[in-house]
Amino acid sequence: MSKKLVREYYCKYAEGEWERLARDPYHRLEFDTTLHFLRKYLPPKGLVLDAGGGPGRYTNALARLGYDMVLLDLAPELLGIARREIRRAGVGAKVKKIMVGSIDDLTVFGDSSFDAVLCLGGALCHLVDRRRRAKAVSELARVAKRRAPICVSVIGRLALNANAASGQAPGVLDVPSVFWRYVLTGDYRGGHGFAPTHFYLPEDLEADLKRSAKVITMVGLEGVFSTHRREYNRAARSRKHAAVLRELHLKTCTHPVVAGMSEHFMAVCRK
């Protein structure tokens, strides 16, 4: 049932998901920071799996950088947007396959198929059942080559709790029982404005990943500016101020406290 709800949500808001990472300077923090660390940890070239990659923002960007890409996602509408944007970018030759699938079942791929494996933007979060998340992590590691980087980003629970102050957390006022469930357990079953989601703490993500890979670093993708969208966007209008903020962000985003309080955080692992 949760898989159906996730697919329905992203099919309904497909265009919004494509636009999300470029909506404003604050949202671009997630994309730019992710890409910064991908450039740092990915091999110079190779075949990369973008698992749960939605409309293909990262597939598109990495194809432009010369990587061969395979894009997999649960929602056909998102993949339709990916095909459109890949065609517009002229990188179709670098995208070897675009396919419907779930990150907890990668049996279409053989062991050690990819030079790097990505699962970004919270795709792992949408497997609310813990056993399915464990299966997904196992699959992501299985299809990665030995020593290949595995990058997984999730939605942070603590930043979501901070957003409750502005009424942005699902059910915070109208359905308190739903709110308290995901505050305490991380598990949100859907039905109140967002797809079913498990909201992560950094230590929970590390525990899930370490069974299959070694975590090298944890990165807060919005970092110290998390939950301060309006203030960040206002400051970022000045090119000089934006440069200072970027430097501050990159100098602090790997601090454990900063990662834990970020709206999205990413674990960089090695198989």
C-alpha atoms as a PDB file:
ATOM      1  CA  MET A   1       0.000   0.000   0.000  1.00  0.00           C
ATOM      2  CA  SER A   2       2.777   2.488   0.882  1.00  0.00           C
ATOM      3  CA  LYS A   3       4.439   1.884  -2.506  1.00  0.00           C
ATOM      4  CA  LYS A   4       1.174   2.753  -4.238  1.00  0.00           C
ATOM      5  CA  LEU A   5       0.767   5.931  -2.167  1.00  0.00           C
ATOM      6  CA  VAL A   6       4.329   7.020  -2.915  1.00  0.00           C
ATOM      7  CA  ARG A   7       3.851   6.448  -6.649  1.00  0.00           C
ATOM      8  CA  GLU A   8       0.540   8.324  -6.629  1.00  0.00           C
ATOM      9  CA  TYR A   9       2.022  11.274  -4.757  1.00  0.00           C
ATOM     10  CA  TYR A  10       4.979  11.729  -7.091  1.00  0.00           C
ATOM     11  CA  CYS A  11       2.914  11.160 -10.202  1.00  0.00           C
ATOM     12  CA  LYS A  12       0.577  13.924  -9.040  1.00  0.00           C
ATOM     13  CA  TYR A  13       3.383  16.361  -8.222  1.00  0.00           C
ATOM     14  CA  ALA A  14       5.863  15.286 -10.902  1.00  0.00           C
ATOM     15  CA  GLU A  15       6.622  18.734 -12.344  1.00  0.00           C
ATOM     16  CA  GLY A  16       7.009  20.146  -8.839  1.00  0.00           C
ATOM     17  CA  GLU A  17       9.612  17.507  -8.048  1.00  0.00           C
ATOM     18  CA  TRP A  18      11.630  18.482 -11.131  1.00  0.00           C
ATOM     19  CA  GLU A  19      11.441  22.157 -10.145  1.00  0.00           C
ATOM     20  CA  ARG A  20      12.069  21.584  -6.419  1.00  0.00           C
ATOM     21  CA  LEU A  21      15.878  21.600  -6.496  1.00  0.00           C
ATOM     22  CA  ALA A  22      16.016  24.784  -8.584  1.00  0.00           C
ATOM     23  CA  ARG A  23      13.117  26.670  -7.012  1.00  0.00           C
ATOM     24  CA  ASP A  24      15.226  29.224  -5.124  1.00  0.00           C
ATOM     25  CA  PRO A  25      18.730  29.569  -3.622  1.00  0.00           C
ATOM     26  CA  TYR A  26      17.687  27.687  -0.487  1.00  0.00           C
ATOM     27  CA  HIS A  27      16.440  24.645  -2.426  1.00  0.00           C
ATOM     28  CA  ARG A  28      19.525  24.754  -4.642  1.00  0.00           C
ATOM     29  CA  LEU A  29      21.619  24.216  -1.519  1.00  0.00           C
ATOM     30  CA  GLU A  30      20.543  20.566  -1.486  1.00  0.00           C
ATOM     31  CA  PHE A  31      21.424  20.072  -5.147  1.00  0.00           C
ATOM     32  CA  ASP A  32      24.667  22.079  -5.169  1.00  0.00           C
ATOM     33  CA  THR A  33      25.981  20.505  -1.969  1.00  0.00           C
ATOM     34  CA  THR A  34      25.150  17.002  -3.171  1.00  0.00           C
ATOM     35  CA  LEU A  35      26.898  17.632  -6.483  1.00  0.00           C
ATOM     36  CA  HIS A  36      29.927  19.124  -4.699  1.00  0.00           C
ATOM     37  CA  PHE A  37      30.430  15.906  -2.722  1.00  0.00           C
ATOM     38  CA  LEU A  38      29.650  13.657  -5.680  1.00  0.00           C
ATOM     39  CA  ARG A  39      32.458  15.361  -7.582  1.00  0.00           C
ATOM     40  CA  LYS A  40      34.715  14.780  -4.605  1.00  0.00           C
ATOM     41  CA  TYR A  41      33.993  11.070  -4.082  1.00  0.00           C
ATOM     42  CA  LEU A  42      32.902   9.627  -7.438  1.00  0.00           C
ATOM     43  CA  PRO A  43      35.572   8.092  -9.675  1.00  0.00           C
ATOM     44  CA  PRO A  44      36.706  10.226 -12.634  1.00  0.00           C
ATOM     45  CA  LYS A  45      34.507   8.203 -15.000  1.00  0.00           C
ATOM     46  CA  GLY A  46      32.304   5.121 -15.073  1.00  0.00           C
ATOM     47  CA  LEU A  47      28.769   3.751 -14.963  1.00  0.00           C
ATOM     48  CA  VAL A  48      26.571   5.254 -12.225  1.00  0.00           C
ATOM     49  CA  LEU A  49      23.193   4.029 -10.969  1.00  0.00           C
ATOM     50  CA  ASP A  50      20.778   6.794  -9.941  1.00  0.00           C
ATOM     51  CA  ALA A  51      18.323   4.674  -7.929  1.00  0.00           C
ATOM     52  CA  GLY A  52      15.101   6.446  -7.014  1.00  0.00           C
ATOM     53  CA  GLY A  53      16.363   9.362  -9.087  1.00  0.00           C
ATOM     54  CA  GLY A  54      12.923  10.718  -9.977  1.00  0.00           C
ATOM     55  CA  PRO A  55      12.961  13.293 -12.793  1.00  0.00           C
ATOM     56  CA  GLY A  56      16.701  12.914 -13.205  1.00  0.00           C
ATOM     57  CA  ARG A  57      18.287  16.119 -11.896  1.00  0.00           C
ATOM     58  CA  TYR A  58      21.427  14.221 -10.859  1.00  0.00           C
ATOM     59  CA  THR A  59      21.378  11.890 -13.860  1.00  0.00           C
ATOM     60  CA  ASN A  60      21.298  14.965 -16.080  1.00  0.00           C
ATOM     61  CA  ALA A  61      24.070  16.781 -14.211  1.00  0.00           C
ATOM     62  CA  LEU A  62      26.387  13.777 -14.052  1.00  0.00           C
ATOM     63  CA  ALA A  63      25.799  12.914 -17.707  1.00  0.00           C
ATOM     64  CA  ARG A  64      26.953  16.444 -18.542  1.00  0.00           C
ATOM     65  CA  LEU A  65      30.105  15.710 -16.545  1.00  0.00           C
ATOM     66  CA  GLY A  66      30.776  12.661 -18.710  1.00  0.00           C
ATOM     67  CA  TYR A  67      29.426   9.785 -16.608  1.00  0.00           C
ATOM     68  CA  ASP A  68      27.395   6.955 -18.097  1.00  0.00           C
ATOM     69  CA  MET A  69      24.093   6.838 -16.227  1.00  0.00           C
ATOM     70  CA  VAL A  70      21.268   4.425 -15.450  1.00  0.00           C
ATOM     71  CA  LEU A  71      18.144   6.018 -13.961  1.00  0.00           C
ATOM     72  CA  LEU A  72      15.553   4.002 -12.032  1.00  0.00           C
ATOM     73  CA  ASP A  73      12.427   5.253 -10.296  1.00  0.00           C
ATOM     74  CA  LEU A  74       9.037   4.057  -9.100  1.00  0.00           C
ATOM     75  CA  ALA A  75       6.961   6.779 -10.810  1.00  0.00           C
ATOM     76  CA  PRO A  76       6.567   6.676 -14.616  1.00  0.00           C
ATOM     77  CA  GLU A  77       5.549  10.349 -14.720  1.00  0.00           C
ATOM     78  CA  LEU A  78       8.860  11.368 -13.149  1.00  0.00           C
ATOM     79  CA  LEU A  79      10.749   9.287 -15.693  1.00  0.00           C
ATOM     80  CA  GLY A  80       8.785  10.955 -18.476  1.00  0.00           C
ATOM     81  CA  ILE A  81      10.086  14.313 -17.271  1.00  0.00           C
ATOM     82  CA  ALA A  82      13.587  12.829 -17.070  1.00  0.00           C
ATOM     83  CA  ARG A  83      13.421  11.738 -20.712  1.00  0.00           C
ATOM     84  CA  ARG A  84      12.271  15.216 -21.728  1.00  0.00           C
ATOM     85  CA  GLU A  85      15.004  17.028 -19.797  1.00  0.00           C
ATOM     86  CA  ILE A  86      17.737  14.614 -20.894  1.00  0.00           C
ATOM     87  CA  ARG A  87      16.712  15.210 -24.506  1.00  0.00           C
ATOM     88  CA  ARG A  88      16.736  18.986 -23.959  1.00  0.00           C
ATOM     89  CA  ALA A  89      20.201  18.803 -22.419  1.00  0.00           C
ATOM     90  CA  GLY A  90      21.528  16.739 -25.319  1.00  0.00           C
ATOM     91  CA  VAL A  91      22.993  14.037 -23.056  1.00  0.00           C
ATOM     92  CA  GLY A  92      20.912  11.099 -24.251  1.00  0.00           C
ATOM     93  CA  ALA A  93      23.977   9.168 -25.414  1.00  0.00           C
ATOM     94  CA  LYS A  94      25.325   9.145 -21.840  1.00  0.00           C
ATOM     95  CA  VAL A  95      22.082   7.872 -20.287  1.00  0.00           C
ATOM     96  CA  LYS A  96      22.182   4.165 -21.010  1.00  0.00           C
ATOM     97  CA  LYS A  97      18.844   3.197 -19.505  1.00  0.00           C
ATOM     98  CA  ILE A  98      15.760   4.783 -17.926  1.00  0.00           C
ATOM     99  CA  MET A  99      13.526   2.274 -16.171  1.00  0.00           C
ATOM    100  CA  VAL A 100      10.645   1.848 -13.751  1.00  0.00           C
ATOM    101  CA  GLY A 101      11.655  -0.007 -10.602  1.00  0.00           C
ATOM    102  CA  SER A 102      11.931   0.027  -6.835  1.00  0.00           C
ATOM    103  CA  ILE A 103      15.168   0.506  -4.918  1.00  0.00           C
ATOM    104  CA  ASP A 104      14.479  -2.568  -2.782  1.00  0.00           C
ATOM    105  CA  ASP A 105      14.470  -4.840  -5.831  1.00  0.00           C
ATOM    106  CA  LEU A 106      17.434  -4.331  -8.152  1.00  0.00           C
ATOM    107  CA  THR A 107      17.528  -7.933  -9.365  1.00  0.00           C
ATOM    108  CA  VAL A 108      17.538  -6.684 -12.955  1.00  0.00           C
ATOM    109  CA  PHE A 109      21.185  -5.751 -12.310  1.00  0.00           C
ATOM    110  CA  GLY A 110      23.975  -8.206 -11.636  1.00  0.00           C
ATOM    111  CA  ASP A 111      26.376  -8.068  -8.696  1.00  0.00           C
ATOM    112  CA  SER A 112      29.094  -5.385  -8.904  1.00  0.00           C
ATOM    113  CA  SER A 113      27.559  -3.708 -11.972  1.00  0.00           C
ATOM    114  CA  PHE A 114      28.232  -0.042 -11.159  1.00  0.00           C
ATOM    115  CA  ASP A 115      31.230   2.174 -10.494  1.00  0.00           C
ATOM    116  CA  ALA A 116      29.068   4.302  -8.165  1.00  0.00           C
ATOM    117  CA  VAL A 117      25.559   4.007  -6.748  1.00  0.00           C
ATOM    118  CA  LEU A 118      23.309   6.921  -5.763  1.00  0.00           C
ATOM    119  CA  CYS A 119      20.054   6.981  -3.821  1.00  0.00           C
ATOM    120  CA  LEU A 120      19.308  10.670  -3.346  1.00  0.00           C
ATOM    121  CA  GLY A 121      16.550  13.058  -2.348  1.00  0.00           C
ATOM    122  CA  GLY A 122      14.929  10.799   0.229  1.00  0.00           C
ATOM    123  CA  ALA A 123      14.028   7.759  -1.890  1.00  0.00           C
ATOM    124  CA  LEU A 124      15.123   5.429   0.933  1.00  0.00           C
ATOM    125  CA  CYS A 125      12.826   7.325   3.322  1.00  0.00           C
ATOM    126  CA  HIS A 126       9.764   6.297   1.353  1.00  0.00           C
ATOM    127  CA  LEU A 127      10.256   2.687   2.408  1.00  0.00           C
ATOM    128  CA  VAL A 128       8.546   3.056   5.766  1.00  0.00           C
ATOM    129  CA  ASP A 129       8.852  -0.646   6.560  1.00  0.00           C
ATOM    130  CA  ARG A 130      12.246  -1.241   8.171  1.00  0.00           C
ATOM    131  CA  ARG A 131      12.733  -4.590   6.439  1.00  0.00           C
ATOM    132  CA  ARG A 132      12.264  -2.979   3.032  1.00  0.00           C
ATOM    133  CA  ARG A 133      14.830  -0.290   3.890  1.00  0.00           C
ATOM    134  CA  ALA A 134      17.297  -2.979   4.942  1.00  0.00           C
ATOM    135  CA  LYS A 135      16.647  -4.836   1.685  1.00  0.00           C
ATOM    136  CA  ALA A 136      17.171  -1.637  -0.316  1.00  0.00           C
ATOM    137  CA  VAL A 137      20.508  -0.905   1.369  1.00  0.00           C
ATOM    138  CA  SER A 138      21.600  -4.477   0.714  1.00  0.00           C
ATOM    139  CA  GLU A 139      20.625  -4.164  -2.949  1.00  0.00           C
ATOM    140  CA  LEU A 140      22.371  -0.806  -3.402  1.00  0.00           C
ATOM    141  CA  ALA A 141      25.576  -2.329  -2.030  1.00  0.00           C
ATOM    142  CA  ARG A 142      25.216  -5.557  -3.997  1.00  0.00           C
ATOM    143  CA  VAL A 143      25.152  -3.825  -7.381  1.00  0.00           C
ATOM    144  CA  ALA A 144      28.128  -1.579  -6.517  1.00  0.00           C
ATOM    145  CA  LYS A 145      31.640  -2.660  -7.423  1.00  0.00           C
ATOM    146  CA  ARG A 146      34.182  -3.276  -4.691  1.00  0.00           C
ATOM    147  CA  ARG A 147      35.337   0.036  -3.172  1.00  0.00           C
ATOM    148  CA  ALA A 148      32.699   1.923  -5.172  1.00  0.00           C
ATOM    149  CA  PRO A 149      31.128   4.975  -3.513  1.00  0.00           C
ATOM    150  CA  ILE A 150      27.509   4.658  -2.401  1.00  0.00           C
ATOM    151  CA  CYS A 151      25.780   7.998  -1.677  1.00  0.00           C
ATOM    152  CA  VAL A 152      22.443   8.034   0.129  1.00  0.00           C
ATOM    153  CA  SER A 153      20.543  11.175   1.150  1.00  0.00           C
ATOM    154  CA  VAL A 154      17.476  11.237   3.383  1.00  0.00           C
ATOM    155  CA  ILE A 155      15.006  13.620   5.010  1.00  0.00           C
ATOM    156  CA  GLY A 156      16.032  14.599   8.538  1.00  0.00           C
ATOM    157  CA  ARG A 157      13.688  14.147  11.479  1.00  0.00           C
ATOM    158  CA  LEU A 158      15.075  16.922  13.681  1.00  0.00           C
ATOM    159  CA  ALA A 159      14.691  19.636  11.033  1.00  0.00           C
ATOM    160  CA  LEU A 160      11.149  18.421  10.415  1.00  0.00           C
ATOM    161  CA  ASN A 161      10.456  18.840  14.117  1.00  0.00           C
ATOM    162  CA  ALA A 162      11.872  22.352  13.946  1.00  0.00           C
ATOM    163  CA  ASN A 163       9.485  23.097  11.082  1.00  0.00           C
ATOM    164  CA  ALA A 164       6.585  22.299  13.413  1.00  0.00           C
ATOM    165  CA  ALA A 165       6.981  25.807  14.830  1.00  0.00           C
ATOM    166  CA  SER A 166       5.747  27.233  11.531  1.00  0.00           C
ATOM    167  CA  GLY A 167       3.029  24.604  11.102  1.00  0.00           C
ATOM    168  CA  GLN A 168       4.813  22.935   8.167  1.00  0.00           C
ATOM    169  CA  ALA A 169       5.081  19.461   9.722  1.00  0.00           C
ATOM    170  CA  PRO A 170       2.306  17.057   8.578  1.00  0.00           C
ATOM    171  CA  GLY A 171      -0.593  16.871  11.023  1.00  0.00           C
ATOM    172  CA  VAL A 172       1.082  19.042  13.654  1.00  0.00           C
ATOM    173  CA  LEU A 173      -2.139  20.882  14.514  1.00  0.00           C
ATOM    174  CA  ASP A 174      -5.018  18.925  13.006  1.00  0.00           C
ATOM    175  CA  VAL A 175      -3.895  15.311  13.681  1.00  0.00           C
ATOM    176  CA  PRO A 176      -1.620  15.301  16.757  1.00  0.00           C
ATOM    177  CA  SER A 177      -1.539  11.479  16.940  1.00  0.00           C
ATOM    178  CA  VAL A 178       0.076  11.357  13.480  1.00  0.00           C
ATOM    179  CA  PHE A 179       2.517  14.105  14.416  1.00  0.00           C
ATOM    180  CA  TRP A 180       3.661  12.438  17.626  1.00  0.00           C
ATOM    181  CA  ARG A 181       4.090   9.082  15.905  1.00  0.00           C
ATOM    182  CA  TYR A 182       6.671  10.323  13.410  1.00  0.00           C
ATOM    183  CA  VAL A 183       8.304  12.671  15.913  1.00  0.00           C
ATOM    184  CA  LEU A 184       9.019   9.711  18.185  1.00  0.00           C
ATOM    185  CA  THR A 185       9.508   6.867  15.688  1.00  0.00           C
ATOM    186  CA  GLY A 186      10.194   8.635  12.383  1.00  0.00           C
ATOM    187  CA  ASP A 187       7.361   6.744  10.702  1.00  0.00           C
ATOM    188  CA  TYR A 188       4.745   8.750   8.793  1.00  0.00           C
ATOM    189  CA  ARG A 189       2.149   6.644   6.986  1.00  0.00           C
ATOM    190  CA  GLY A 190       0.847   9.346   4.645  1.00  0.00           C
ATOM    191  CA  GLY A 191      -2.539  10.925   4.149  1.00  0.00           C
ATOM    192  CA  HIS A 192      -1.764  14.397   5.454  1.00  0.00           C
ATOM    193  CA  GLY A 193      -0.099  16.239   2.580  1.00  0.00           C
ATOM    194  CA  PHE A 194       2.977  14.106   1.916  1.00  0.00           C
ATOM    195  CA  ALA A 195       3.930  10.621   0.760  1.00  0.00           C
ATOM    196  CA  PRO A 196       4.603   7.886   3.367  1.00  0.00           C
ATOM    197  CA  THR A 197       8.050   8.558   4.810  1.00  0.00           C
ATOM    198  CA  HIS A 198      10.514   7.398   7.423  1.00  0.00           C
ATOM    199  CA  PHE A 199      12.271  10.518   8.725  1.00  0.00           C
ATOM    200  CA  TYR A 200      15.849   9.747   9.717  1.00  0.00           C
ATOM    201  CA  LEU A 201      18.231  10.566  12.519  1.00  0.00           C
ATOM    202  CA  PRO A 202      21.900  10.365  11.439  1.00  0.00           C
ATOM    203  CA  GLU A 203      22.660   7.506  13.811  1.00  0.00           C
ATOM    204  CA  ASP A 204      19.735   5.517  12.379  1.00  0.00           C
ATOM    205  CA  LEU A 205      20.977   5.985   8.818  1.00  0.00           C
ATOM    206  CA  GLU A 206      24.493   4.981   9.814  1.00  0.00           C
ATOM    207  CA  ALA A 207      23.144   1.869  11.527  1.00  0.00           C
ATOM    208  CA  ASP A 208      21.166   0.920   8.413  1.00  0.00           C
ATOM    209  CA  LEU A 209      24.151   1.440   6.097  1.00  0.00           C
ATOM    210  CA  LYS A 210      26.991  -0.076   8.091  1.00  0.00           C
ATOM    211  CA  ARG A 211      25.684  -3.611   7.562  1.00  0.00           C
ATOM    212  CA  SER A 212      26.573  -3.275   3.877  1.00  0.00           C
ATOM    213  CA  ALA A 213      29.046  -0.398   3.542  1.00  0.00           C
ATOM    214  CA  LYS A 214      31.443   1.798   5.492  1.00  0.00           C
ATOM    215  CA  VAL A 215      30.232   5.365   6.100  1.00  0.00           C
ATOM    216  CA  ILE A 216      32.990   7.840   5.225  1.00  0.00           C
ATOM    217  CA  THR A 217      31.214  11.092   6.023  1.00  0.00           C
ATOM    218  CA  MET A 218      27.784  12.559   6.727  1.00  0.00           C
ATOM    219  CA  VAL A 219      26.835  15.863   5.087  1.00  0.00           C
ATOM    220  CA  GLY A 220      24.096  18.335   6.012  1.00  0.00           C
ATOM    221  CA  LEU A 221      22.786  19.409   2.620  1.00  0.00           C
ATOM    222  CA  GLU A 222      21.105  22.619   3.789  1.00  0.00           C
ATOM    223  CA  GLY A 223      23.496  22.718   6.730  1.00  0.00           C
ATOM    224  CA  VAL A 224      23.427  25.602   9.202  1.00  0.00           C
ATOM    225  CA  PHE A 225      20.779  27.311   7.068  1.00  0.00           C
ATOM    226  CA  SER A 226      18.202  24.524   7.507  1.00  0.00           C
ATOM    227  CA  THR A 227      14.666  25.743   8.221  1.00  0.00           C
ATOM    228  CA  HIS A 228      15.801  29.337   7.445  1.00  0.00           C
ATOM    229  CA  ARG A 229      14.625  29.440   3.852  1.00  0.00           C
ATOM    230  CA  ARG A 230      13.316  33.000   3.839  1.00  0.00           C
ATOM    231  CA  GLU A 231      16.390  34.463   5.516  1.00  0.00           C
ATOM    232  CA  TYR A 232      18.807  32.538   3.301  1.00  0.00           C
ATOM    233  CA  ASN A 233      17.014  33.538   0.102  1.00  0.00           C
ATOM    234  CA  ARG A 234      17.062  37.167   1.136  1.00  0.00           C
ATOM    235  CA  ALA A 235      20.798  37.105   1.930  1.00  0.00           C
ATOM    236  CA  ALA A 236      21.671  35.134  -1.218  1.00  0.00           C
ATOM    237  CA  ARG A 237      20.397  37.932  -3.469  1.00  0.00           C
ATOM    238  CA  SER A 238      23.736  39.647  -2.918  1.00  0.00           C
ATOM    239  CA  ARG A 239      26.455  37.867  -4.910  1.00  0.00           C
ATOM    240  CA  LYS A 240      29.090  38.849  -2.348  1.00  0.00           C
ATOM    241  CA  HIS A 241      26.965  37.668   0.576  1.00  0.00           C
ATOM    242  CA  ALA A 242      26.087  34.442  -1.271  1.00  0.00           C
ATOM    243  CA  ALA A 243      29.808  33.648  -1.715  1.00  0.00           C
ATOM    244  CA  VAL A 244      30.406  34.067   2.024  1.00  0.00           C
ATOM    245  CA  LEU A 245      27.414  31.885   2.856  1.00  0.00           C
ATOM    246  CA  ARG A 246      28.608  29.154   0.486  1.00  0.00           C
ATOM    247  CA  GLU A 247      32.055  29.128   2.090  1.00  0.00           C
ATOM    248  CA  LEU A 248      30.517  29.002   5.567  1.00  0.00           C
ATOM    249  CA  HIS A 249      28.221  26.178   4.501  1.00  0.00           C
ATOM    250  CA  LEU A 250      30.978  24.015   3.032  1.00  0.00           C
ATOM    251  CA  LYS A 251      33.198  24.560   6.074  1.00  0.00           C
ATOM    252  CA  THR A 252      30.493  23.401   8.499  1.00  0.00           C
ATOM    253  CA  CYS A 253      28.195  20.966   6.668  1.00  0.00           C
ATOM    254  CA  THR A 254      30.061  17.811   7.727  1.00  0.00           C
ATOM    255  CA  HIS A 255      29.901  18.626  11.437  1.00  0.00           C
ATOM    256  CA  PRO A 256      27.759  15.890  13.080  1.00  0.00           C
ATOM    257  CA  VAL A 257      25.442  18.388  14.775  1.00  0.00           C
ATOM    258  CA  VAL A 258      24.916  20.307  11.527  1.00  0.00           C
ATOM    259  CA  ALA A 259      24.192  17.118   9.571  1.00  0.00           C
ATOM    260  CA  GLY A 260      21.715  15.982  12.205  1.00  0.00           C
ATOM    261  CA  MET A 261      19.759  19.250  12.091  1.00  0.00           C
ATOM    262  CA  SER A 262      19.686  19.498   8.287  1.00  0.00           C
ATOM    263  CA  GLU A 263      16.452  19.095   6.340  1.00  0.00           C
ATOM    264  CA  HIS A 264      18.278  16.606   4.106  1.00  0.00           C
ATOM    265  CA  PHE A 265      21.543  14.894   4.903  1.00  0.00           C
ATOM    266  CA  MET A 266      23.692  12.535   2.886  1.00  0.00           C
ATOM    267  CA  ALA A 267      25.883   9.621   3.868  1.00  0.00           C
ATOM    268  CA  VAL A 268      28.867   8.972   1.627  1.00  0.00           C
ATOM    269  CA  CYS A 269      29.857   5.303   1.923  1.00  0.00           C
ATOM    270  CA  ARG A 270      32.241   2.871   0.349  1.00  0.00           C
ATOM    271  CA  LYS A 271      31.438  -0.769  -0.263  1.00  0.00           C
END
